[in-house]
Amino acid sequence: MANMSYCRFQNTYQDLKDCIESIEYKTDIKDLPEIEKKYALKLRELCREYLELSEVEEEEEEND
């Protein structure tokens, strides 16, 4: 199910937190089923992209 635009970040935050806790306390990425491992690695790349974009936003806010 798609996230509604007014709560997208709130919902994604909770889902990402759940993924992190799973890796931290329950399951190593290498022990995941292949499809989950594939998406865990894709998620890592997506998080890097998000960090890059959010850093640009922070810099723009500081310059205003």
PDB file of N, CA and C in Angstrom:
ATOM      1  N   MET A   1       0.843  -1.179   0.000  1.00  0.00           N
ATOM      2  CA  MET A   1       0.000   0.000   0.000  1.00  0.00           C
ATOM      3  C   MET A   1       0.888   1.242   0.000  1.00  0.00           C
ATOM      4  N   ALA A   2       0.530   2.190  -0.797  1.00  0.00           N
ATOM      5  CA  ALA A   2       1.302   3.426  -0.895  1.00  0.00           C
ATOM      6  C   ALA A   2       1.050   4.310   0.325  1.00  0.00           C
ATOM      7  N   ASN A   3       2.045   5.098   0.656  1.00  0.00           N
ATOM      8  CA  ASN A   3       1.909   6.067   1.744  1.00  0.00           C
ATOM      9  C   ASN A   3       1.181   7.303   1.248  1.00  0.00           C
ATOM     10  N   MET A   4       0.340   7.862   2.088  1.00  0.00           N
ATOM     11  CA  MET A   4      -0.313   9.116   1.768  1.00  0.00           C
ATOM     12  C   MET A   4       0.727  10.226   1.930  1.00  0.00           C
ATOM     13  N   SER A   5       0.652  11.228   1.096  1.00  0.00           N
ATOM     14  CA  SER A   5       1.675  12.271   1.098  1.00  0.00           C
ATOM     15  C   SER A   5       1.788  13.002   2.432  1.00  0.00           C
ATOM     16  N   TYR A   6       0.691  13.119   3.173  1.00  0.00           N
ATOM     17  CA  TYR A   6       0.740  13.863   4.435  1.00  0.00           C
ATOM     18  C   TYR A   6       1.384  13.078   5.583  1.00  0.00           C
ATOM     19  N   CYS A   7       1.615  11.766   5.400  1.00  0.00           N
ATOM     20  CA  CYS A   7       2.254  10.981   6.465  1.00  0.00           C
ATOM     21  C   CYS A   7       3.354  10.063   5.939  1.00  0.00           C
ATOM     22  N   ARG A   8       3.826  10.331   4.740  1.00  0.00           N
ATOM     23  CA  ARG A   8       4.832   9.496   4.094  1.00  0.00           C
ATOM     24  C   ARG A   8       6.091   9.345   4.932  1.00  0.00           C
ATOM     25  N   PHE A   9       6.636  10.451   5.408  1.00  0.00           N
ATOM     26  CA  PHE A   9       7.882  10.387   6.159  1.00  0.00           C
ATOM     27  C   PHE A   9       7.678   9.740   7.531  1.00  0.00           C
ATOM     28  N   GLN A  10       6.546  10.015   8.138  1.00  0.00           N
ATOM     29  CA  GLN A  10       6.245   9.407   9.434  1.00  0.00           C
ATOM     30  C   GLN A  10       6.162   7.879   9.305  1.00  0.00           C
ATOM     31  N   ASN A  11       5.451   7.398   8.306  1.00  0.00           N
ATOM     32  CA  ASN A  11       5.316   5.954   8.102  1.00  0.00           C
ATOM     33  C   ASN A  11       6.648   5.314   7.723  1.00  0.00           C
ATOM     34  N   THR A  12       7.382   5.965   6.850  1.00  0.00           N
ATOM     35  CA  THR A  12       8.666   5.422   6.416  1.00  0.00           C
ATOM     36  C   THR A  12       9.654   5.385   7.568  1.00  0.00           C
ATOM     37  N   TYR A  13       9.617   6.388   8.416  1.00  0.00           N
ATOM     38  CA  TYR A  13      10.480   6.412   9.593  1.00  0.00           C
ATOM     39  C   TYR A  13      10.275   5.150  10.436  1.00  0.00           C
ATOM     40  N   GLN A  14       9.022   4.827  10.700  1.00  0.00           N
ATOM     41  CA  GLN A  14       8.727   3.647  11.520  1.00  0.00           C
ATOM     42  C   GLN A  14       9.183   2.358  10.829  1.00  0.00           C
ATOM     43  N   ASP A  15       8.971   2.264   9.520  1.00  0.00           N
ATOM     44  CA  ASP A  15       9.380   1.072   8.780  1.00  0.00           C
ATOM     45  C   ASP A  15      10.896   0.934   8.747  1.00  0.00           C
ATOM     46  N   LEU A  16      11.589   2.044   8.516  1.00  0.00           N
ATOM     47  CA  LEU A  16      13.048   2.002   8.476  1.00  0.00           C
ATOM     48  C   LEU A  16      13.617   1.661   9.846  1.00  0.00           C
ATOM     49  N   LYS A  17      13.019   2.217  10.879  1.00  0.00           N
ATOM     50  CA  LYS A  17      13.447   1.905  12.242  1.00  0.00           C
ATOM     51  C   LYS A  17      13.298   0.407  12.515  1.00  0.00           C
ATOM     52  N   ASP A  18      12.210  -0.187  12.066  1.00  0.00           N
ATOM     53  CA  ASP A  18      11.977  -1.621  12.227  1.00  0.00           C
ATOM     54  C   ASP A  18      13.047  -2.434  11.491  1.00  0.00           C
ATOM     55  N   CYS A  19      13.405  -2.011  10.282  1.00  0.00           N
ATOM     56  CA  CYS A  19      14.457  -2.696   9.527  1.00  0.00           C
ATOM     57  C   CYS A  19      15.793  -2.621  10.255  1.00  0.00           C
ATOM     58  N   ILE A  20      16.120  -1.457  10.774  1.00  0.00           N
ATOM     59  CA  ILE A  20      17.387  -1.277  11.498  1.00  0.00           C
ATOM     60  C   ILE A  20      17.412  -2.154  12.739  1.00  0.00           C
ATOM     61  N   GLU A  21      16.332  -2.157  13.485  1.00  0.00           N
ATOM     62  CA  GLU A  21      16.279  -2.992  14.691  1.00  0.00           C
ATOM     63  C   GLU A  21      16.401  -4.465  14.350  1.00  0.00           C
ATOM     64  N   SER A  22      15.834  -4.878  13.251  1.00  0.00           N
ATOM     65  CA  SER A  22      15.936  -6.266  12.829  1.00  0.00           C
ATOM     66  C   SER A  22      17.390  -6.646  12.544  1.00  0.00           C
ATOM     67  N   ILE A  23      18.088  -5.794  11.829  1.00  0.00           N
ATOM     68  CA  ILE A  23      19.495  -6.058  11.524  1.00  0.00           C
ATOM     69  C   ILE A  23      20.346  -5.980  12.782  1.00  0.00           C
ATOM     70  N   GLU A  24      20.028  -5.046  13.637  1.00  0.00           N
ATOM     71  CA  GLU A  24      20.828  -4.826  14.836  1.00  0.00           C
ATOM     72  C   GLU A  24      20.667  -5.949  15.860  1.00  0.00           C
ATOM     73  N   TYR A  25      19.452  -6.433  16.031  1.00  0.00           N
ATOM     74  CA  TYR A  25      19.182  -7.361  17.129  1.00  0.00           C
ATOM     75  C   TYR A  25      18.784  -8.776  16.707  1.00  0.00           C
ATOM     76  N   LYS A  26      18.344  -8.954  15.468  1.00  0.00           N
ATOM     77  CA  LYS A  26      17.754 -10.246  15.106  1.00  0.00           C
ATOM     78  C   LYS A  26      18.490 -10.973  13.994  1.00  0.00           C
ATOM     79  N   THR A  27      18.614 -10.333  12.854  1.00  0.00           N
ATOM     80  CA  THR A  27      19.062 -11.022  11.658  1.00  0.00           C
ATOM     81  C   THR A  27      20.153 -10.251  10.952  1.00  0.00           C
ATOM     82  N   ASP A  28      21.253 -10.907  10.674  1.00  0.00           N
ATOM     83  CA  ASP A  28      22.311 -10.311   9.858  1.00  0.00           C
ATOM     84  C   ASP A  28      21.835 -10.291   8.404  1.00  0.00           C
ATOM     85  N   ILE A  29      22.203  -9.279   7.658  1.00  0.00           N
ATOM     86  CA  ILE A  29      21.777  -9.181   6.255  1.00  0.00           C
ATOM     87  C   ILE A  29      22.149 -10.438   5.483  1.00  0.00           C
ATOM     88  N   LYS A  30      23.321 -10.973   5.739  1.00  0.00           N
ATOM     89  CA  LYS A  30      23.763 -12.155   4.982  1.00  0.00           C
ATOM     90  C   LYS A  30      22.883 -13.371   5.245  1.00  0.00           C
ATOM     91  N   ASP A  31      22.119 -13.369   6.331  1.00  0.00           N
ATOM     92  CA  ASP A  31      21.248 -14.494   6.663  1.00  0.00           C
ATOM     93  C   ASP A  31      19.824 -14.328   6.156  1.00  0.00           C
ATOM     94  N   LEU A  32      19.534 -13.221   5.506  1.00  0.00           N
ATOM     95  CA  LEU A  32      18.193 -12.985   4.972  1.00  0.00           C
ATOM     96  C   LEU A  32      17.959 -13.834   3.722  1.00  0.00           C
ATOM     97  N   PRO A  33      16.715 -14.134   3.407  1.00  0.00           N
ATOM     98  CA  PRO A  33      16.418 -14.764   2.111  1.00  0.00           C
ATOM     99  C   PRO A  33      16.921 -13.855   0.981  1.00  0.00           C
ATOM    100  N   GLU A  34      17.233 -14.425  -0.135  1.00  0.00           N
ATOM    101  CA  GLU A  34      17.854 -13.672  -1.238  1.00  0.00           C
ATOM    102  C   GLU A  34      17.075 -12.420  -1.628  1.00  0.00           C
ATOM    103  N   ILE A  35      15.771 -12.508  -1.736  1.00  0.00           N
ATOM    104  CA  ILE A  35      14.991 -11.339  -2.146  1.00  0.00           C
ATOM    105  C   ILE A  35      15.063 -10.238  -1.094  1.00  0.00           C
ATOM    106  N   GLU A  36      15.045 -10.608   0.182  1.00  0.00           N
ATOM    107  CA  GLU A  36      15.149  -9.607   1.245  1.00  0.00           C
ATOM    108  C   GLU A  36      16.560  -9.007   1.271  1.00  0.00           C
ATOM    109  N   LYS A  37      17.559  -9.828   1.041  1.00  0.00           N
ATOM    110  CA  LYS A  37      18.938  -9.335   0.987  1.00  0.00           C
ATOM    111  C   LYS A  37      19.081  -8.315  -0.150  1.00  0.00           C
ATOM    112  N   LYS A  38      18.501  -8.631  -1.285  1.00  0.00           N
ATOM    113  CA  LYS A  38      18.543  -7.722  -2.438  1.00  0.00           C
ATOM    114  C   LYS A  38      17.961  -6.362  -2.071  1.00  0.00           C
ATOM    115  N   TYR A  39      16.811  -6.367  -1.421  1.00  0.00           N
ATOM    116  CA  TYR A  39      16.169  -5.103  -1.082  1.00  0.00           C
ATOM    117  C   TYR A  39      16.832  -4.414   0.100  1.00  0.00           C
ATOM    118  N   ALA A  40      17.432  -5.171   0.993  1.00  0.00           N
ATOM    119  CA  ALA A  40      18.197  -4.556   2.090  1.00  0.00           C
ATOM    120  C   ALA A  40      19.356  -3.755   1.515  1.00  0.00           C
ATOM    121  N   LEU A  41      20.020  -4.303   0.510  1.00  0.00           N
ATOM    122  CA  LEU A  41      21.138  -3.587  -0.114  1.00  0.00           C
ATOM    123  C   LEU A  41      20.640  -2.402  -0.939  1.00  0.00           C
ATOM    124  N   LYS A  42      19.504  -2.556  -1.615  1.00  0.00           N
ATOM    125  CA  LYS A  42      18.920  -1.429  -2.346  1.00  0.00           C
ATOM    126  C   LYS A  42      18.521  -0.313  -1.387  1.00  0.00           C
ATOM    127  N   LEU A  43      17.996  -0.707  -0.228  1.00  0.00           N
ATOM    128  CA  LEU A  43      17.603   0.271   0.775  1.00  0.00           C
ATOM    129  C   LEU A  43      18.812   1.055   1.272  1.00  0.00           C
ATOM    130  N   ARG A  44      19.931   0.375   1.418  1.00  0.00           N
ATOM    131  CA  ARG A  44      21.162   1.052   1.838  1.00  0.00           C
ATOM    132  C   ARG A  44      21.539   2.136   0.834  1.00  0.00           C
ATOM    133  N   GLU A  45      21.462   1.818  -0.446  1.00  0.00           N
ATOM    134  CA  GLU A  45      21.780   2.807  -1.479  1.00  0.00           C
ATOM    135  C   GLU A  45      20.762   3.950  -1.468  1.00  0.00           C
ATOM    136  N   LEU A  46      19.518   3.624  -1.258  1.00  0.00           N
ATOM    137  CA  LEU A  46      18.480   4.652  -1.200  1.00  0.00           C
ATOM    138  C   LEU A  46      18.706   5.586  -0.015  1.00  0.00           C
ATOM    139  N   CYS A  47      19.138   5.036   1.107  1.00  0.00           N
ATOM    140  CA  CYS A  47      19.435   5.864   2.287  1.00  0.00           C
ATOM    141  C   CYS A  47      20.608   6.797   2.014  1.00  0.00           C
ATOM    142  N   ARG A  48      21.602   6.321   1.306  1.00  0.00           N
ATOM    143  CA  ARG A  48      22.732   7.190   0.931  1.00  0.00           C
ATOM    144  C   ARG A  48      22.246   8.347   0.066  1.00  0.00           C
ATOM    145  N   GLU A  49      21.394   8.036  -0.885  1.00  0.00           N
ATOM    146  CA  GLU A  49      20.848   9.083  -1.760  1.00  0.00           C
ATOM    147  C   GLU A  49      20.041  10.089  -0.944  1.00  0.00           C
ATOM    148  N   TYR A  50      19.238   9.602  -0.014  1.00  0.00           N
ATOM    149  CA  TYR A  50      18.451  10.480   0.846  1.00  0.00           C
ATOM    150  C   TYR A  50      19.364  11.394   1.657  1.00  0.00           C
ATOM    151  N   LEU A  51      20.433  10.834   2.209  1.00  0.00           N
ATOM    152  CA  LEU A  51      21.370  11.643   2.982  1.00  0.00           C
ATOM    153  C   LEU A  51      21.987  12.750   2.134  1.00  0.00           C
ATOM    154  N   GLU A  52      22.370  12.420   0.919  1.00  0.00           N
ATOM    155  CA  GLU A  52      22.942  13.428   0.029  1.00  0.00           C
ATOM    156  C   GLU A  52      21.935  14.544  -0.244  1.00  0.00           C
ATOM    157  N   LEU A  53      20.697  14.162  -0.539  1.00  0.00           N
ATOM    158  CA  LEU A  53      19.674  15.166  -0.835  1.00  0.00           C
ATOM    159  C   LEU A  53      19.337  16.002   0.387  1.00  0.00           C
ATOM    160  N   SER A  54      19.268  15.390   1.528  1.00  0.00           N
ATOM    161  CA  SER A  54      18.919  16.145   2.735  1.00  0.00           C
ATOM    162  C   SER A  54      20.056  17.065   3.157  1.00  0.00           C
ATOM    163  N   GLU A  55      21.296  16.702   2.862  1.00  0.00           N
ATOM    164  CA  GLU A  55      22.424  17.591   3.161  1.00  0.00           C
ATOM    165  C   GLU A  55      22.343  18.854   2.309  1.00  0.00           C
ATOM    166  N   VAL A  56      21.934  18.707   1.064  1.00  0.00           N
ATOM    167  CA  VAL A  56      21.775  19.860   0.185  1.00  0.00           C
ATOM    168  C   VAL A  56      20.700  20.772   0.749  1.00  0.00           C
ATOM    169  N   GLU A  57      19.611  20.205   1.201  1.00  0.00           N
ATOM    170  CA  GLU A  57      18.526  20.996   1.791  1.00  0.00           C
ATOM    171  C   GLU A  57      19.017  21.745   3.029  1.00  0.00           C
ATOM    172  N   GLU A  58      19.786  21.079   3.880  1.00  0.00           N
ATOM    173  CA  GLU A  58      20.309  21.724   5.090  1.00  0.00           C
ATOM    174  C   GLU A  58      21.222  22.887   4.722  1.00  0.00           C
ATOM    175  N   GLU A  59      22.070  22.698   3.731  1.00  0.00           N
ATOM    176  CA  GLU A  59      22.984  23.773   3.306  1.00  0.00           C
ATOM    177  C   GLU A  59      22.194  24.965   2.789  1.00  0.00           C
ATOM    178  N   GLU A  60      21.141  24.703   2.025  1.00  0.00           N
ATOM    179  CA  GLU A  60      20.323  25.789   1.484  1.00  0.00           C
ATOM    180  C   GLU A  60      19.618  26.542   2.602  1.00  0.00           C
ATOM    181  N   GLU A  61      19.146  25.829   3.609  1.00  0.00           N
ATOM    182  CA  GLU A  61      18.481  26.470   4.745  1.00  0.00           C
ATOM    183  C   GLU A  61      19.460  27.341   5.522  1.00  0.00           C
ATOM    184  N   GLU A  62      20.697  26.872   5.676  1.00  0.00           N
ATOM    185  CA  GLU A  62      21.703  27.645   6.408  1.00  0.00           C
ATOM    186  C   GLU A  62      22.085  28.909   5.668  1.00  0.00           C
ATOM    187  N   ASN A  63      22.017  28.894   4.334  1.00  0.00           N
ATOM    188  CA  ASN A  63      22.398  30.045   3.527  1.00  0.00           C
ATOM    189  C   ASN A  63      21.287  31.082   3.408  1.00  0.00           C
ATOM    190  N   ASP A  64      20.089  30.727   3.828  1.00  0.00           N
ATOM    191  CA  ASP A  64      18.954  31.677   3.734  1.00  0.00           C
ATOM    192  C   ASP A  64      18.978  32.698   4.842  1.00  0.00           C
TER     193      ASP A  64
END
